[in-house]
Amino acid sequence: MQSLSKRLKKLGFVADLPETVKGKKHYYYQAYIKDLSNNTSLIIEGYRKKGYPTYRFTFYKRTYFKGGGKVSEKIYLYNASPIKMMQKVTSFINYLERSK
């Protein structure tokens, strides 16, 4: 079985590990980004949440102005397990590829 990062990389996502204010990386936070255009990105955020044995994921699309201001955000999945997240993301990417 492939790791989650490898499966997302095959779908075109790039891993992005944000840093804390003090410059140390979070061990409990993951982010993956796929640019659809110059202004639109698909974003997956994973985080450890108390009471769950695995990471919980949020999957959304965000559109920006050229200057960096947020125009719109559409959330497709919130607080989901890794399996549900992969199903939704794979389905969404397949839909985008079919509609081209």
N, C-alpha and C. Protein backbone atom coordinates (compact mmCIF):
# COMPACT_ATOMS: atom_id res chain seq x y z
N MET A 1 0.84 -1.19 0.00
CA MET A 1 0.00 0.00 0.00
C MET A 1 0.89 1.25 0.00
N GLN A 2 0.53 2.21 -0.82
CA GLN A 2 1.29 3.44 -0.92
C GLN A 2 0.93 4.40 0.21
N SER A 3 1.88 5.25 0.54
CA SER A 3 1.59 6.25 1.57
C SER A 3 0.66 7.31 1.00
N LEU A 4 0.03 8.03 1.87
CA LEU A 4 -0.91 9.07 1.48
C LEU A 4 -0.21 10.15 0.65
N SER A 5 0.99 10.53 1.05
CA SER A 5 1.74 11.56 0.32
C SER A 5 2.05 11.13 -1.11
N LYS A 6 2.41 9.86 -1.30
CA LYS A 6 2.71 9.36 -2.64
C LYS A 6 1.46 9.33 -3.51
N ARG A 7 0.34 8.94 -2.94
CA ARG A 7 -0.91 8.90 -3.71
C ARG A 7 -1.35 10.30 -4.12
N LEU A 8 -1.20 11.28 -3.22
CA LEU A 8 -1.56 12.65 -3.55
C LEU A 8 -0.59 13.25 -4.57
N LYS A 9 0.66 12.86 -4.50
CA LYS A 9 1.65 13.34 -5.46
C LYS A 9 1.30 12.85 -6.86
N LYS A 10 0.84 11.61 -6.98
CA LYS A 10 0.43 11.07 -8.28
C LYS A 10 -0.77 11.83 -8.85
N LEU A 11 -1.60 12.39 -7.98
CA LEU A 11 -2.76 13.17 -8.41
C LEU A 11 -2.38 14.62 -8.74
N GLY A 12 -1.12 14.99 -8.51
CA GLY A 12 -0.66 16.32 -8.87
C GLY A 12 -0.54 17.30 -7.71
N PHE A 13 -0.69 16.83 -6.49
CA PHE A 13 -0.58 17.71 -5.32
C PHE A 13 0.87 17.83 -4.88
N VAL A 14 1.20 18.97 -4.31
CA VAL A 14 2.53 19.23 -3.77
C VAL A 14 2.39 19.39 -2.26
N ALA A 15 3.26 18.72 -1.51
CA ALA A 15 3.21 18.83 -0.06
C ALA A 15 3.73 20.19 0.38
N ASP A 16 3.04 20.76 1.36
CA ASP A 16 3.44 22.05 1.90
C ASP A 16 3.37 21.95 3.41
N LEU A 17 4.53 22.07 4.06
CA LEU A 17 4.56 21.99 5.52
C LEU A 17 4.75 23.39 6.08
N PRO A 18 3.70 23.99 6.61
CA PRO A 18 3.84 25.34 7.17
C PRO A 18 4.65 25.34 8.46
N GLU A 19 5.18 26.47 8.77
CA GLU A 19 5.97 26.62 9.99
C GLU A 19 5.22 27.42 11.03
N THR A 20 5.59 27.21 12.27
CA THR A 20 4.95 27.94 13.36
C THR A 20 5.55 29.34 13.43
N VAL A 21 5.05 30.12 14.35
CA VAL A 21 5.55 31.47 14.54
C VAL A 21 7.02 31.45 14.97
N LYS A 22 7.40 30.45 15.75
CA LYS A 22 8.77 30.37 16.24
C LYS A 22 9.71 29.68 15.25
N GLY A 23 9.19 29.29 14.09
CA GLY A 23 10.04 28.70 13.07
C GLY A 23 10.17 27.19 13.13
N LYS A 24 9.41 26.53 13.98
CA LYS A 24 9.46 25.07 14.07
C LYS A 24 8.27 24.48 13.33
N LYS A 25 8.50 23.33 12.69
CA LYS A 25 7.44 22.69 11.92
C LYS A 25 6.48 21.96 12.86
N HIS A 26 5.19 22.00 12.48
CA HIS A 26 4.18 21.25 13.22
C HIS A 26 4.28 19.78 12.85
N TYR A 27 4.26 18.89 13.81
CA TYR A 27 4.24 17.47 13.50
C TYR A 27 2.80 17.01 13.32
N TYR A 28 1.84 17.83 13.69
CA TYR A 28 0.44 17.43 13.67
C TYR A 28 -0.35 18.12 12.56
N TYR A 29 0.32 18.72 11.59
CA TYR A 29 -0.37 19.43 10.53
C TYR A 29 0.23 19.07 9.18
N GLN A 30 -0.62 18.80 8.17
CA GLN A 30 -0.17 18.51 6.82
C GLN A 30 -0.99 19.37 5.86
N ALA A 31 -0.37 19.80 4.77
CA ALA A 31 -1.10 20.54 3.74
C ALA A 31 -0.60 20.10 2.37
N TYR A 32 -1.54 19.97 1.43
CA TYR A 32 -1.23 19.60 0.06
C TYR A 32 -1.97 20.57 -0.86
N ILE A 33 -1.27 21.03 -1.91
CA ILE A 33 -1.84 22.05 -2.79
C ILE A 33 -1.68 21.62 -4.24
N LYS A 34 -2.74 21.84 -5.02
CA LYS A 34 -2.69 21.62 -6.46
C LYS A 34 -3.27 22.86 -7.13
N ASP A 35 -2.46 23.51 -7.97
CA ASP A 35 -2.92 24.69 -8.69
C ASP A 35 -3.72 24.28 -9.92
N LEU A 36 -4.94 24.80 -10.03
CA LEU A 36 -5.77 24.54 -11.20
C LEU A 36 -5.56 25.63 -12.25
N SER A 37 -5.26 26.84 -11.80
CA SER A 37 -4.96 27.96 -12.69
C SER A 37 -4.08 28.93 -11.91
N ASN A 38 -3.82 30.09 -12.49
CA ASN A 38 -3.00 31.08 -11.79
C ASN A 38 -3.67 31.58 -10.51
N ASN A 39 -5.00 31.56 -10.48
CA ASN A 39 -5.72 32.13 -9.34
C ASN A 39 -6.48 31.11 -8.50
N THR A 40 -6.56 29.86 -8.94
CA THR A 40 -7.38 28.86 -8.25
C THR A 40 -6.54 27.65 -7.84
N SER A 41 -6.74 27.20 -6.60
CA SER A 41 -6.01 26.05 -6.07
C SER A 41 -6.94 25.11 -5.33
N LEU A 42 -6.62 23.82 -5.40
CA LEU A 42 -7.25 22.83 -4.53
C LEU A 42 -6.33 22.64 -3.34
N ILE A 43 -6.90 22.62 -2.16
CA ILE A 43 -6.10 22.53 -0.94
C ILE A 43 -6.65 21.42 -0.05
N ILE A 44 -5.74 20.61 0.47
CA ILE A 44 -6.08 19.57 1.45
C ILE A 44 -5.30 19.89 2.70
N GLU A 45 -5.99 20.01 3.81
CA GLU A 45 -5.33 20.23 5.10
C GLU A 45 -5.63 19.05 6.01
N GLY A 46 -4.58 18.48 6.58
CA GLY A 46 -4.73 17.38 7.52
C GLY A 46 -4.21 17.80 8.87
N TYR A 47 -4.90 17.39 9.93
CA TYR A 47 -4.49 17.80 11.27
C TYR A 47 -4.89 16.73 12.27
N ARG A 48 -4.14 16.66 13.35
CA ARG A 48 -4.47 15.73 14.43
C ARG A 48 -5.56 16.38 15.28
N LYS A 49 -6.57 15.62 15.60
CA LYS A 49 -7.68 16.12 16.40
C LYS A 49 -7.92 15.18 17.56
N LYS A 50 -8.09 15.73 18.72
CA LYS A 50 -8.29 14.93 19.92
C LYS A 50 -9.54 14.07 19.77
N GLY A 51 -9.40 12.80 20.13
CA GLY A 51 -10.52 11.87 20.06
C GLY A 51 -10.55 11.03 18.80
N TYR A 52 -9.65 11.30 17.84
CA TYR A 52 -9.59 10.53 16.60
C TYR A 52 -8.23 9.85 16.49
N PRO A 53 -8.18 8.60 16.06
CA PRO A 53 -6.89 7.90 15.96
C PRO A 53 -6.05 8.31 14.75
N THR A 54 -6.66 8.91 13.75
CA THR A 54 -5.94 9.30 12.53
C THR A 54 -6.09 10.80 12.30
N TYR A 55 -5.36 11.27 11.31
CA TYR A 55 -5.51 12.67 10.90
C TYR A 55 -6.93 12.90 10.40
N ARG A 56 -7.42 14.11 10.53
CA ARG A 56 -8.71 14.53 9.97
C ARG A 56 -8.40 15.53 8.87
N PHE A 57 -9.14 15.44 7.77
CA PHE A 57 -8.81 16.23 6.59
C PHE A 57 -9.95 17.14 6.16
N THR A 58 -9.56 18.30 5.63
CA THR A 58 -10.48 19.24 5.00
C THR A 58 -10.00 19.43 3.57
N PHE A 59 -10.94 19.38 2.62
CA PHE A 59 -10.62 19.51 1.20
C PHE A 59 -11.45 20.66 0.64
N TYR A 60 -10.79 21.64 0.03
CA TYR A 60 -11.51 22.80 -0.50
C TYR A 60 -10.80 23.42 -1.69
N LYS A 61 -11.55 24.26 -2.41
CA LYS A 61 -11.02 25.01 -3.55
C LYS A 61 -11.06 26.48 -3.17
N ARG A 62 -9.96 27.19 -3.46
CA ARG A 62 -9.88 28.61 -3.12
C ARG A 62 -9.42 29.40 -4.34
N THR A 63 -10.07 30.54 -4.57
CA THR A 63 -9.73 31.43 -5.68
C THR A 63 -9.27 32.76 -5.11
N TYR A 64 -8.21 33.32 -5.72
CA TYR A 64 -7.60 34.55 -5.24
C TYR A 64 -7.62 35.64 -6.32
N PHE A 65 -7.52 36.89 -5.88
CA PHE A 65 -7.21 38.00 -6.78
C PHE A 65 -5.74 37.92 -7.13
N LYS A 66 -5.31 38.68 -8.11
CA LYS A 66 -3.89 38.69 -8.47
C LYS A 66 -3.02 39.22 -7.34
N GLY A 67 -3.54 40.12 -6.54
CA GLY A 67 -2.78 40.68 -5.43
C GLY A 67 -2.71 39.78 -4.22
N GLY A 68 -3.43 38.68 -4.21
CA GLY A 68 -3.36 37.74 -3.10
C GLY A 68 -4.60 37.71 -2.22
N GLY A 69 -5.59 38.59 -2.46
CA GLY A 69 -6.80 38.58 -1.66
C GLY A 69 -7.72 37.43 -2.05
N LYS A 70 -8.37 36.84 -1.07
CA LYS A 70 -9.26 35.70 -1.32
C LYS A 70 -10.57 36.18 -1.94
N VAL A 71 -10.98 35.54 -3.03
CA VAL A 71 -12.24 35.87 -3.69
C VAL A 71 -13.33 34.93 -3.21
N SER A 72 -13.08 33.63 -3.33
CA SER A 72 -14.09 32.66 -2.92
C SER A 72 -13.43 31.39 -2.41
N GLU A 73 -14.23 30.64 -1.65
CA GLU A 73 -13.77 29.37 -1.11
C GLU A 73 -14.94 28.41 -1.09
N LYS A 74 -14.73 27.21 -1.62
CA LYS A 74 -15.77 26.18 -1.65
C LYS A 74 -15.23 24.97 -0.92
N ILE A 75 -15.87 24.59 0.19
CA ILE A 75 -15.43 23.44 0.98
C ILE A 75 -16.18 22.21 0.48
N TYR A 76 -15.41 21.17 0.10
CA TYR A 76 -16.00 19.93 -0.39
C TYR A 76 -16.06 18.86 0.69
N LEU A 77 -15.17 18.92 1.66
CA LEU A 77 -15.12 17.90 2.69
C LEU A 77 -14.52 18.51 3.96
N TYR A 78 -15.12 18.20 5.11
CA TYR A 78 -14.64 18.76 6.37
C TYR A 78 -14.56 17.66 7.42
N ASN A 79 -13.47 17.62 8.16
CA ASN A 79 -13.28 16.69 9.28
C ASN A 79 -13.49 15.24 8.85
N ALA A 80 -12.85 14.83 7.76
CA ALA A 80 -13.04 13.49 7.21
C ALA A 80 -11.82 12.61 7.47
N SER A 81 -12.03 11.31 7.44
CA SER A 81 -10.95 10.34 7.60
C SER A 81 -10.09 10.32 6.35
N PRO A 82 -8.88 9.76 6.43
CA PRO A 82 -8.03 9.69 5.24
C PRO A 82 -8.67 8.93 4.08
N ILE A 83 -9.40 7.88 4.38
CA ILE A 83 -10.03 7.08 3.32
C ILE A 83 -11.11 7.89 2.61
N LYS A 84 -11.97 8.54 3.36
CA LYS A 84 -13.03 9.36 2.75
C LYS A 84 -12.42 10.52 1.96
N MET A 85 -11.36 11.11 2.50
CA MET A 85 -10.71 12.21 1.80
C MET A 85 -10.15 11.75 0.48
N MET A 86 -9.46 10.61 0.45
CA MET A 86 -8.88 10.11 -0.80
C MET A 86 -9.97 9.77 -1.82
N GLN A 87 -11.08 9.22 -1.37
CA GLN A 87 -12.19 8.92 -2.27
C GLN A 87 -12.72 10.19 -2.91
N LYS A 88 -12.94 11.22 -2.11
CA LYS A 88 -13.49 12.48 -2.60
C LYS A 88 -12.51 13.19 -3.54
N VAL A 89 -11.24 13.25 -3.16
CA VAL A 89 -10.24 13.93 -3.98
C VAL A 89 -10.05 13.20 -5.31
N THR A 90 -9.95 11.87 -5.28
CA THR A 90 -9.80 11.10 -6.51
C THR A 90 -11.00 11.30 -7.42
N SER A 91 -12.18 11.26 -6.85
CA SER A 91 -13.40 11.48 -7.63
C SER A 91 -13.40 12.88 -8.25
N PHE A 92 -13.02 13.89 -7.49
CA PHE A 92 -13.01 15.27 -7.98
C PHE A 92 -11.99 15.45 -9.10
N ILE A 93 -10.79 14.89 -8.93
CA ILE A 93 -9.75 15.00 -9.97
C ILE A 93 -10.20 14.27 -11.24
N ASN A 94 -10.81 13.10 -11.10
CA ASN A 94 -11.32 12.38 -12.27
C ASN A 94 -12.40 13.19 -12.98
N TYR A 95 -13.26 13.85 -12.23
CA TYR A 95 -14.29 14.70 -12.81
C TYR A 95 -13.66 15.85 -13.61
N LEU A 96 -12.64 16.48 -13.04
CA LEU A 96 -11.96 17.58 -13.74
C LEU A 96 -11.32 17.09 -15.04
N GLU A 97 -10.72 15.93 -15.00
CA GLU A 97 -10.06 15.40 -16.20
C GLU A 97 -11.07 15.01 -17.27
N ARG A 98 -12.23 14.48 -16.87
CA ARG A 98 -13.26 14.11 -17.84
C ARG A 98 -13.89 15.34 -18.48
N SER A 99 -13.98 16.44 -17.74
CA SER A 99 -14.67 17.62 -18.25
C SER A 99 -13.79 18.50 -19.14
N LYS A 100 -12.53 18.16 -19.28
CA LYS A 100 -11.62 18.95 -20.14
C LYS A 100 -11.91 18.72 -21.59
